[in-house]
């Protein structure tokens, strides 16, 4: 099955090394899906709290910085046409996370780099990657600066026993396009009877969870019959179980639902925890409401 992305890929850049790594990864992904690549730079009026630090900096200066970041990103591609299309360049006024979240509604994928903010800085100040992944209605890829920019060794998908369709569909499609195996990881939180000698209800619950995950994986395996897949089950925290599996040359796919950027920063969901700590690229495949 051929998986062409007709709506294209958008990569946000700000001139940082992290965003340049995101450009490299987005260009390779555009090639794999024959997708048009858009390089986007966003700039915004500084909020009042930071005005004193930006005295003498005009909107024209900020726009010029955004344009320079886009031009450097395109120059990095050295004349290549990712996906067989000329690269589209966009300079947009607005908060980067908001602008990119809007683009995700009409794109196959939005890509950003990940900066190394600490836990406290992230909660108080946020980051474009965290805010975007929390609020975007469409799929978002977050690329660590040190992640390998090549086809992954394997795709790793974290799933629950709820509807895992979005992440399984995307994970199977990526494994097929990248010609690598798929590992599906499901973690089962210990029930109230854990550690006791009368875990009948817990055993039945775990068995039902396993059956439901296997059923969902089998459904998507029929759609992608050439993808070798393995399902692994773990006990304990879902984010930790997934992170323990990962290497820099993996590609991770997790699920999520869009939230406001503020809630997304402080709620520390499984997807948010994986985004902050994964050594490998992560795609959040949102459940569309």
C-alpha atoms as a PDB file:
ATOM      1  CA  UNK A   1       0.000   0.000   0.000  1.00  0.00           C
ATOM      2  CA  UNK A   2       1.425   3.365  -1.064  1.00  0.00           C
ATOM      3  CA  UNK A   3       1.038   6.144   1.487  1.00  0.00           C
ATOM      4  CA  UNK A   4       1.270   9.574  -0.197  1.00  0.00           C
ATOM      5  CA  UNK A   5       0.586  12.665   1.893  1.00  0.00           C
ATOM      6  CA  UNK A   6      -1.243  15.113  -0.346  1.00  0.00           C
ATOM      7  CA  UNK A   7      -1.802  17.836   2.241  1.00  0.00           C
ATOM      8  CA  UNK A   8       1.910  18.196   2.940  1.00  0.00           C
ATOM      9  CA  UNK A   9       4.308  18.664   5.833  1.00  0.00           C
ATOM     10  CA  UNK A  10       4.931  21.949   7.664  1.00  0.00           C
ATOM     11  CA  UNK A  11       8.144  22.442   9.655  1.00  0.00           C
ATOM     12  CA  UNK A  12       8.497  25.381  12.030  1.00  0.00           C
ATOM     13  CA  UNK A  13      11.916  27.057  12.261  1.00  0.00           C
ATOM     14  CA  UNK A  14      13.445  29.745  14.456  1.00  0.00           C
ATOM     15  CA  UNK A  15      17.089  29.544  13.421  1.00  0.00           C
ATOM     16  CA  UNK A  16      18.120  27.271  16.297  1.00  0.00           C
ATOM     17  CA  UNK A  17      20.087  24.058  15.899  1.00  0.00           C
ATOM     18  CA  UNK A  18      17.030  22.156  17.123  1.00  0.00           C
ATOM     19  CA  UNK A  19      14.841  23.580  14.373  1.00  0.00           C
ATOM     20  CA  UNK A  20      17.466  22.784  11.742  1.00  0.00           C
ATOM     21  CA  UNK A  21      17.440  19.152  12.891  1.00  0.00           C
ATOM     22  CA  UNK A  22      13.662  19.246  12.483  1.00  0.00           C
ATOM     23  CA  UNK A  23      14.115  20.500   8.897  1.00  0.00           C
ATOM     24  CA  UNK A  24      16.388  17.564   8.078  1.00  0.00           C
ATOM     25  CA  UNK A  25      13.902  15.063   9.522  1.00  0.00           C
ATOM     26  CA  UNK A  26      10.925  16.734   7.822  1.00  0.00           C
ATOM     27  CA  UNK A  27      12.698  16.683   4.435  1.00  0.00           C
ATOM     28  CA  UNK A  28      13.379  12.937   4.725  1.00  0.00           C
ATOM     29  CA  UNK A  29       9.773  12.317   5.740  1.00  0.00           C
ATOM     30  CA  UNK A  30       8.542  14.390   2.785  1.00  0.00           C
ATOM     31  CA  UNK A  31      10.611  12.164   0.503  1.00  0.00           C
ATOM     32  CA  UNK A  32       9.106   9.032   2.012  1.00  0.00           C
ATOM     33  CA  UNK A  33       5.547  10.293   1.513  1.00  0.00           C
ATOM     34  CA  UNK A  34       6.011  12.320  -1.694  1.00  0.00           C
ATOM     35  CA  UNK A  35       4.728  15.296   0.294  1.00  0.00           C
ATOM     36  CA  UNK A  36       5.187  19.014  -0.288  1.00  0.00           C
ATOM     37  CA  UNK A  37       7.381  20.594   2.403  1.00  0.00           C
ATOM     38  CA  UNK A  38       6.569  24.039   3.807  1.00  0.00           C
ATOM     39  CA  UNK A  39       9.194  25.806   5.921  1.00  0.00           C
ATOM     40  CA  UNK A  40       7.464  28.299   8.217  1.00  0.00           C
ATOM     41  CA  UNK A  41       8.864  31.067  10.377  1.00  0.00           C
ATOM     42  CA  UNK A  42       6.546  32.851  12.830  1.00  0.00           C
ATOM     43  CA  UNK A  43       7.132  36.105  14.677  1.00  0.00           C
ATOM     44  CA  UNK A  44       5.022  37.930  17.231  1.00  0.00           C
ATOM     45  CA  UNK A  45       4.825  41.201  19.122  1.00  0.00           C
ATOM     46  CA  UNK A  46       6.630  40.696  22.449  1.00  0.00           C
ATOM     47  CA  UNK A  47       4.262  40.483  25.449  1.00  0.00           C
ATOM     48  CA  UNK A  48       4.325  43.466  27.890  1.00  0.00           C
ATOM     49  CA  UNK A  49       6.276  41.468  30.486  1.00  0.00           C
ATOM     50  CA  UNK A  50       9.270  41.279  28.119  1.00  0.00           C
ATOM     51  CA  UNK A  51       9.046  44.685  26.494  1.00  0.00           C
ATOM     52  CA  UNK A  52      11.911  46.118  28.575  1.00  0.00           C
ATOM     53  CA  UNK A  53      14.222  43.426  27.213  1.00  0.00           C
ATOM     54  CA  UNK A  54      13.255  44.168  23.616  1.00  0.00           C
ATOM     55  CA  UNK A  55      13.483  47.969  23.527  1.00  0.00           C
ATOM     56  CA  UNK A  56      14.723  49.053  20.125  1.00  0.00           C
ATOM     57  CA  UNK A  57      13.564  45.828  18.450  1.00  0.00           C
ATOM     58  CA  UNK A  58      10.845  46.541  15.892  1.00  0.00           C
ATOM     59  CA  UNK A  59       8.288  44.243  14.333  1.00  0.00           C
ATOM     60  CA  UNK A  60      10.256  44.647  11.114  1.00  0.00           C
ATOM     61  CA  UNK A  61      13.343  43.296  12.913  1.00  0.00           C
ATOM     62  CA  UNK A  62      11.405  40.299  14.209  1.00  0.00           C
ATOM     63  CA  UNK A  63       9.996  39.595  10.764  1.00  0.00           C
ATOM     64  CA  UNK A  64      13.496  39.839   9.287  1.00  0.00           C
ATOM     65  CA  UNK A  65      14.746  37.311  11.867  1.00  0.00           C
ATOM     66  CA  UNK A  66      11.943  34.918  10.932  1.00  0.00           C
ATOM     67  CA  UNK A  67      12.716  35.332   7.235  1.00  0.00           C
ATOM     68  CA  UNK A  68      16.414  34.717   7.873  1.00  0.00           C
ATOM     69  CA  UNK A  69      15.592  31.500   9.767  1.00  0.00           C
ATOM     70  CA  UNK A  70      13.456  30.260   6.870  1.00  0.00           C
ATOM     71  CA  UNK A  71      16.081  31.154   4.274  1.00  0.00           C
ATOM     72  CA  UNK A  72      18.814  29.373   6.231  1.00  0.00           C
ATOM     73  CA  UNK A  73      16.622  26.296   6.565  1.00  0.00           C
ATOM     74  CA  UNK A  74      15.948  26.211   2.829  1.00  0.00           C
ATOM     75  CA  UNK A  75      19.631  26.771   2.052  1.00  0.00           C
ATOM     76  CA  UNK A  76      20.375  23.774   4.279  1.00  0.00           C
ATOM     77  CA  UNK A  77      18.466  21.602   1.796  1.00  0.00           C
ATOM     78  CA  UNK A  78      21.018  22.579  -0.867  1.00  0.00           C
ATOM     79  CA  UNK A  79      18.558  22.852  -3.724  1.00  0.00           C
ATOM     80  CA  UNK A  80      16.795  19.563  -3.027  1.00  0.00           C
ATOM     81  CA  UNK A  81      13.080  19.167  -3.729  1.00  0.00           C
ATOM     82  CA  UNK A  82      11.808  17.013  -0.835  1.00  0.00           C
ATOM     83  CA  UNK A  83       9.021  14.762  -1.975  1.00  0.00           C
ATOM     84  CA  UNK A  84       9.562  15.925  -5.554  1.00  0.00           C
ATOM     85  CA  UNK A  85       8.136  19.405  -4.890  1.00  0.00           C
ATOM     86  CA  UNK A  86       9.640  22.867  -4.656  1.00  0.00           C
ATOM     87  CA  UNK A  87       9.941  23.951  -1.013  1.00  0.00           C
ATOM     88  CA  UNK A  88       7.287  26.450   0.076  1.00  0.00           C
ATOM     89  CA  UNK A  89       8.488  29.319   2.291  1.00  0.00           C
ATOM     90  CA  UNK A  90       6.133  31.111   4.698  1.00  0.00           C
ATOM     91  CA  UNK A  91       6.636  34.039   7.086  1.00  0.00           C
ATOM     92  CA  UNK A  92       3.639  34.447   9.411  1.00  0.00           C
ATOM     93  CA  UNK A  93       2.790  36.911  12.181  1.00  0.00           C
ATOM     94  CA  UNK A  94       1.585  35.205  15.359  1.00  0.00           C
ATOM     95  CA  UNK A  95       2.675  33.039  18.265  1.00  0.00           C
ATOM     96  CA  UNK A  96       4.585  30.086  16.773  1.00  0.00           C
ATOM     97  CA  UNK A  97       2.659  27.375  18.648  1.00  0.00           C
ATOM     98  CA  UNK A  98      -0.682  28.925  17.687  1.00  0.00           C
ATOM     99  CA  UNK A  99       0.262  29.410  14.037  1.00  0.00           C
ATOM    100  CA  UNK A 100       1.572  25.862  13.702  1.00  0.00           C
ATOM    101  CA  UNK A 101      -1.454  24.405  15.499  1.00  0.00           C
ATOM    102  CA  UNK A 102      -3.680  26.116  12.945  1.00  0.00           C
ATOM    103  CA  UNK A 103      -1.586  24.647  10.125  1.00  0.00           C
ATOM    104  CA  UNK A 104      -1.895  21.157  11.588  1.00  0.00           C
ATOM    105  CA  UNK A 105      -5.619  21.163  10.822  1.00  0.00           C
ATOM    106  CA  UNK A 106      -4.897  21.286   7.079  1.00  0.00           C
ATOM    107  CA  UNK A 107      -1.565  19.404   6.909  1.00  0.00           C
ATOM    108  CA  UNK A 108      -0.595  15.758   7.126  1.00  0.00           C
ATOM    109  CA  UNK A 109       2.082  16.555   9.702  1.00  0.00           C
ATOM    110  CA  UNK A 110       3.592  19.529  11.541  1.00  0.00           C
ATOM    111  CA  UNK A 111       7.225  19.167  12.648  1.00  0.00           C
ATOM    112  CA  UNK A 112       9.218  21.121  15.265  1.00  0.00           C
ATOM    113  CA  UNK A 113      12.479  20.687  17.129  1.00  0.00           C
ATOM    114  CA  UNK A 114      12.680  20.143  20.875  1.00  0.00           C
ATOM    115  CA  UNK A 115      14.711  22.333  23.151  1.00  0.00           C
ATOM    116  CA  UNK A 116      16.088  21.080  26.438  1.00  0.00           C
ATOM    117  CA  UNK A 117      13.935  23.015  28.898  1.00  0.00           C
ATOM    118  CA  UNK A 118      13.953  21.734  32.458  1.00  0.00           C
ATOM    119  CA  UNK A 119      10.769  20.678  34.222  1.00  0.00           C
ATOM    120  CA  UNK A 120      10.321  24.005  36.061  1.00  0.00           C
ATOM    121  CA  UNK A 121      11.084  26.138  33.003  1.00  0.00           C
ATOM    122  CA  UNK A 122       8.722  24.078  30.902  1.00  0.00           C
ATOM    123  CA  UNK A 123       5.857  24.389  33.375  1.00  0.00           C
ATOM    124  CA  UNK A 124       6.312  28.143  33.812  1.00  0.00           C
ATOM    125  CA  UNK A 125       7.436  29.236  30.363  1.00  0.00           C
ATOM    126  CA  UNK A 126       6.344  26.377  28.163  1.00  0.00           C
ATOM    127  CA  UNK A 127       7.903  25.581  24.817  1.00  0.00           C
ATOM    128  CA  UNK A 128       6.709  25.666  21.242  1.00  0.00           C
ATOM    129  CA  UNK A 129       6.926  21.873  20.983  1.00  0.00           C
ATOM    130  CA  UNK A 130       4.998  21.238  24.201  1.00  0.00           C
ATOM    131  CA  UNK A 131       2.318  23.841  23.560  1.00  0.00           C
ATOM    132  CA  UNK A 132       1.912  22.721  19.956  1.00  0.00           C
ATOM    133  CA  UNK A 133       1.639  19.027  20.796  1.00  0.00           C
ATOM    134  CA  UNK A 134      -0.928  19.872  23.483  1.00  0.00           C
ATOM    135  CA  UNK A 135      -3.185  22.057  21.350  1.00  0.00           C
ATOM    136  CA  UNK A 136      -2.834  20.988  17.692  1.00  0.00           C
ATOM    137  CA  UNK A 137      -5.817  19.179  16.162  1.00  0.00           C
ATOM    138  CA  UNK A 138      -3.607  17.223  13.739  1.00  0.00           C
ATOM    139  CA  UNK A 139      -0.468  15.045  14.039  1.00  0.00           C
ATOM    140  CA  UNK A 140       2.674  16.718  15.414  1.00  0.00           C
ATOM    141  CA  UNK A 141       6.264  15.422  15.247  1.00  0.00           C
ATOM    142  CA  UNK A 142       8.790  16.627  17.840  1.00  0.00           C
ATOM    143  CA  UNK A 143      12.450  16.030  16.993  1.00  0.00           C
ATOM    144  CA  UNK A 144      15.201  16.032  19.668  1.00  0.00           C
ATOM    145  CA  UNK A 145      18.340  17.823  18.523  1.00  0.00           C
ATOM    146  CA  UNK A 146      20.485  14.685  18.886  1.00  0.00           C
ATOM    147  CA  UNK A 147      18.073  12.266  17.216  1.00  0.00           C
ATOM    148  CA  UNK A 148      19.332  10.468  14.161  1.00  0.00           C
ATOM    149  CA  UNK A 149      18.171  12.014  10.878  1.00  0.00           C
ATOM    150  CA  UNK A 150      17.617   8.807   8.934  1.00  0.00           C
ATOM    151  CA  UNK A 151      15.003   6.130   8.575  1.00  0.00           C
ATOM    152  CA  UNK A 152      14.345   4.565  11.964  1.00  0.00           C
ATOM    153  CA  UNK A 153      15.510   1.124  13.027  1.00  0.00           C
ATOM    154  CA  UNK A 154      11.935   0.472  14.131  1.00  0.00           C
ATOM    155  CA  UNK A 155       8.667   2.254  14.892  1.00  0.00           C
ATOM    156  CA  UNK A 156       7.456   2.029  18.498  1.00  0.00           C
ATOM    157  CA  UNK A 157       3.795   2.774  19.246  1.00  0.00           C
ATOM    158  CA  UNK A 158       2.406   3.292  22.725  1.00  0.00           C
ATOM    159  CA  UNK A 159      -1.259   2.292  22.931  1.00  0.00           C
ATOM    160  CA  UNK A 160      -3.998   2.033  25.524  1.00  0.00           C
ATOM    161  CA  UNK A 161      -6.901  -0.378  25.452  1.00  0.00           C
ATOM    162  CA  UNK A 162      -9.184   2.482  24.367  1.00  0.00           C
ATOM    163  CA  UNK A 163      -9.486   3.456  20.707  1.00  0.00           C
ATOM    164  CA  UNK A 164      -5.863   3.421  19.527  1.00  0.00           C
ATOM    165  CA  UNK A 165      -6.815   3.764  15.863  1.00  0.00           C
ATOM    166  CA  UNK A 166      -5.058   7.089  15.119  1.00  0.00           C
ATOM    167  CA  UNK A 167      -1.660   6.054  16.483  1.00  0.00           C
ATOM    168  CA  UNK A 168      -1.842   2.500  15.132  1.00  0.00           C
ATOM    169  CA  UNK A 169      -2.802   3.667  11.650  1.00  0.00           C
ATOM    170  CA  UNK A 170       0.017   6.215  11.612  1.00  0.00           C
ATOM    171  CA  UNK A 171       2.518   3.793  13.180  1.00  0.00           C
ATOM    172  CA  UNK A 172       1.758   1.010  10.690  1.00  0.00           C
ATOM    173  CA  UNK A 173       1.944   3.493   7.786  1.00  0.00           C
ATOM    174  CA  UNK A 174       5.319   4.826   8.933  1.00  0.00           C
ATOM    175  CA  UNK A 175       6.726   1.330   9.479  1.00  0.00           C
ATOM    176  CA  UNK A 176       5.673   0.429   5.955  1.00  0.00           C
ATOM    177  CA  UNK A 177       7.085   3.586   4.377  1.00  0.00           C
ATOM    178  CA  UNK A 178      10.356   3.315   6.321  1.00  0.00           C
ATOM    179  CA  UNK A 179      10.672  -0.468   5.753  1.00  0.00           C
ATOM    180  CA  UNK A 180      11.122  -1.323   9.422  1.00  0.00           C
ATOM    181  CA  UNK A 181       9.298  -3.410  12.055  1.00  0.00           C
ATOM    182  CA  UNK A 182       6.640  -2.092  14.416  1.00  0.00           C
ATOM    183  CA  UNK A 183       6.712  -2.635  18.178  1.00  0.00           C
ATOM    184  CA  UNK A 184       3.417  -1.999  19.982  1.00  0.00           C
ATOM    185  CA  UNK A 185       3.775  -1.281  23.710  1.00  0.00           C
ATOM    186  CA  UNK A 186       0.897  -1.446  26.182  1.00  0.00           C
ATOM    187  CA  UNK A 187       1.288  -0.859  29.918  1.00  0.00           C
ATOM    188  CA  UNK A 188      -1.229  -2.108  32.459  1.00  0.00           C
ATOM    189  CA  UNK A 189      -1.536  -0.086  35.638  1.00  0.00           C
ATOM    190  CA  UNK A 190      -1.694  -2.309  38.748  1.00  0.00           C
ATOM    191  CA  UNK A 191      -5.247  -2.754  40.026  1.00  0.00           C
ATOM    192  CA  UNK A 192      -6.414  -2.373  43.648  1.00  0.00           C
ATOM    193  CA  UNK A 193      -5.690  -6.052  44.295  1.00  0.00           C
ATOM    194  CA  UNK A 194      -2.070  -5.884  43.123  1.00  0.00           C
ATOM    195  CA  UNK A 195       0.288  -7.693  45.481  1.00  0.00           C
ATOM    196  CA  UNK A 196      -2.531  -9.522  47.254  1.00  0.00           C
ATOM    197  CA  UNK A 197      -3.447 -13.161  46.937  1.00  0.00           C
ATOM    198  CA  UNK A 198      -6.959 -12.653  45.592  1.00  0.00           C
ATOM    199  CA  UNK A 199      -6.327 -10.998  42.235  1.00  0.00           C
ATOM    200  CA  UNK A 200      -9.119 -12.705  40.327  1.00  0.00           C
ATOM    201  CA  UNK A 201     -10.769  -9.452  39.127  1.00  0.00           C
ATOM    202  CA  UNK A 202      -7.353  -7.986  38.278  1.00  0.00           C
ATOM    203  CA  UNK A 203      -6.399 -11.039  36.244  1.00  0.00           C
ATOM    204  CA  UNK A 204      -9.655 -10.842  34.327  1.00  0.00           C
ATOM    205  CA  UNK A 205      -9.137  -7.118  33.722  1.00  0.00           C
ATOM    206  CA  UNK A 206      -5.583  -7.683  32.453  1.00  0.00           C
ATOM    207  CA  UNK A 207      -6.767 -10.493  30.196  1.00  0.00           C
ATOM    208  CA  UNK A 208      -9.499  -8.247  28.759  1.00  0.00           C
ATOM    209  CA  UNK A 209      -6.950  -5.456  28.187  1.00  0.00           C
ATOM    210  CA  UNK A 210      -4.591  -7.792  26.366  1.00  0.00           C
ATOM    211  CA  UNK A 211      -7.393  -9.125  24.182  1.00  0.00           C
ATOM    212  CA  UNK A 212      -8.572  -5.641  23.239  1.00  0.00           C
ATOM    213  CA  UNK A 213      -5.066  -4.443  22.345  1.00  0.00           C
ATOM    214  CA  UNK A 214      -4.420  -7.571  20.283  1.00  0.00           C
ATOM    215  CA  UNK A 215      -7.759  -7.097  18.522  1.00  0.00           C
ATOM    216  CA  UNK A 216      -6.914  -3.508  17.575  1.00  0.00           C
ATOM    217  CA  UNK A 217      -3.435  -4.430  16.339  1.00  0.00           C
ATOM    218  CA  UNK A 218      -4.845  -7.307  14.281  1.00  0.00           C
ATOM    219  CA  UNK A 219      -7.326  -4.934  12.654  1.00  0.00           C
ATOM    220  CA  UNK A 220      -4.573  -2.638  11.401  1.00  0.00           C
ATOM    221  CA  UNK A 221      -2.279  -5.533  10.516  1.00  0.00           C
ATOM    222  CA  UNK A 222      -4.869  -6.599   7.951  1.00  0.00           C
ATOM    223  CA  UNK A 223      -4.562  -3.165   6.339  1.00  0.00           C
ATOM    224  CA  UNK A 224      -0.738  -3.304   6.367  1.00  0.00           C
ATOM    225  CA  UNK A 225       0.052  -7.009   5.865  1.00  0.00           C
ATOM    226  CA  UNK A 226       3.715  -6.476   4.962  1.00  0.00           C
ATOM    227  CA  UNK A 227       4.630  -4.794   8.262  1.00  0.00           C
ATOM    228  CA  UNK A 228       6.179  -7.173  10.825  1.00  0.00           C
ATOM    229  CA  UNK A 229       4.772  -6.326  14.242  1.00  0.00           C
ATOM    230  CA  UNK A 230       5.266  -7.380  17.846  1.00  0.00           C
ATOM    231  CA  UNK A 231       3.003  -6.553  20.799  1.00  0.00           C
ATOM    232  CA  UNK A 232       4.584  -6.253  24.242  1.00  0.00           C
ATOM    233  CA  UNK A 233       2.774  -5.905  27.568  1.00  0.00           C
ATOM    234  CA  UNK A 234       4.191  -4.280  30.689  1.00  0.00           C
ATOM    235  CA  UNK A 235       3.022  -3.519  34.201  1.00  0.00           C
ATOM    236  CA  UNK A 236       3.304  -0.070  35.745  1.00  0.00           C
ATOM    237  CA  UNK A 237       3.446   3.495  34.516  1.00  0.00           C
ATOM    238  CA  UNK A 238       2.676   3.766  30.797  1.00  0.00           C
ATOM    239  CA  UNK A 239       5.161   6.548  30.031  1.00  0.00           C
ATOM    240  CA  UNK A 240       8.015   4.809  31.860  1.00  0.00           C
ATOM    241  CA  UNK A 241       7.250   1.493  30.162  1.00  0.00           C
ATOM    242  CA  UNK A 242       7.440   3.164  26.769  1.00  0.00           C
ATOM    243  CA  UNK A 243      10.555   5.220  27.508  1.00  0.00           C
ATOM    244  CA  UNK A 244      12.427   2.115  28.655  1.00  0.00           C
ATOM    245  CA  UNK A 245      12.043   0.670  25.142  1.00  0.00           C
ATOM    246  CA  UNK A 246      13.436   3.635  23.224  1.00  0.00           C
ATOM    247  CA  UNK A 247      16.714   4.332  21.457  1.00  0.00           C
ATOM    248  CA  UNK A 248      17.710   7.425  19.436  1.00  0.00           C
ATOM    249  CA  UNK A 249      17.223   5.560  16.151  1.00  0.00           C
ATOM    250  CA  UNK A 250      13.569   4.689  16.862  1.00  0.00           C
ATOM    251  CA  UNK A 251      10.458   6.583  15.790  1.00  0.00           C
ATOM    252  CA  UNK A 252       7.804   6.822  18.504  1.00  0.00           C
ATOM    253  CA  UNK A 253       4.072   7.235  17.939  1.00  0.00           C
ATOM    254  CA  UNK A 254       1.750   8.075  20.827  1.00  0.00           C
ATOM    255  CA  UNK A 255      -1.864   9.151  21.056  1.00  0.00           C
ATOM    256  CA  UNK A 256      -3.412  12.217  22.609  1.00  0.00           C
ATOM    257  CA  UNK A 257      -6.279  14.646  22.587  1.00  0.00           C
ATOM    258  CA  UNK A 258      -5.894  18.379  21.928  1.00  0.00           C
ATOM    259  CA  UNK A 259      -5.997  20.586  25.038  1.00  0.00           C
ATOM    260  CA  UNK A 260      -5.326  24.237  25.682  1.00  0.00           C
ATOM    261  CA  UNK A 261      -1.557  24.983  25.648  1.00  0.00           C
ATOM    262  CA  UNK A 262      -1.542  25.794  29.380  1.00  0.00           C
ATOM    263  CA  UNK A 263      -3.250  22.545  30.366  1.00  0.00           C
ATOM    264  CA  UNK A 264      -0.934  20.686  28.032  1.00  0.00           C
ATOM    265  CA  UNK A 265       2.127  22.019  29.861  1.00  0.00           C
ATOM    266  CA  UNK A 266       1.053  21.213  33.399  1.00  0.00           C
ATOM    267  CA  UNK A 267      -1.002  18.037  33.068  1.00  0.00           C
ATOM    268  CA  UNK A 268       1.997  15.803  32.268  1.00  0.00           C
ATOM    269  CA  UNK A 269       0.087  13.184  30.324  1.00  0.00           C
ATOM    270  CA  UNK A 270       1.795  10.116  28.909  1.00  0.00           C
ATOM    271  CA  UNK A 271       2.389  11.877  25.586  1.00  0.00           C
ATOM    272  CA  UNK A 272       3.790  14.988  27.304  1.00  0.00           C
ATOM    273  CA  UNK A 273       6.170  12.919  29.447  1.00  0.00           C
ATOM    274  CA  UNK A 274       7.388  10.990  26.406  1.00  0.00           C
ATOM    275  CA  UNK A 275       7.840  14.224  24.433  1.00  0.00           C
ATOM    276  CA  UNK A 276       9.995  15.727  27.174  1.00  0.00           C
ATOM    277  CA  UNK A 277      12.239  12.713  27.670  1.00  0.00           C
ATOM    278  CA  UNK A 278      12.334  10.648  24.485  1.00  0.00           C
ATOM    279  CA  UNK A 279      15.763  10.307  22.830  1.00  0.00           C
ATOM    280  CA  UNK A 280      14.057   9.671  19.493  1.00  0.00           C
ATOM    281  CA  UNK A 281      11.558  11.549  17.292  1.00  0.00           C
ATOM    282  CA  UNK A 282       7.995  11.428  18.603  1.00  0.00           C
ATOM    283  CA  UNK A 283       4.764  11.799  16.642  1.00  0.00           C
ATOM    284  CA  UNK A 284       1.613  12.625  18.587  1.00  0.00           C
ATOM    285  CA  UNK A 285      -1.379  11.294  16.643  1.00  0.00           C
ATOM    286  CA  UNK A 286      -4.319  13.188  18.101  1.00  0.00           C
ATOM    287  CA  UNK A 287      -7.792  11.823  18.506  1.00  0.00           C
ATOM    288  CA  UNK A 288      -9.878  14.314  16.550  1.00  0.00           C
ATOM    289  CA  UNK A 289     -12.933  15.485  18.498  1.00  0.00           C
END
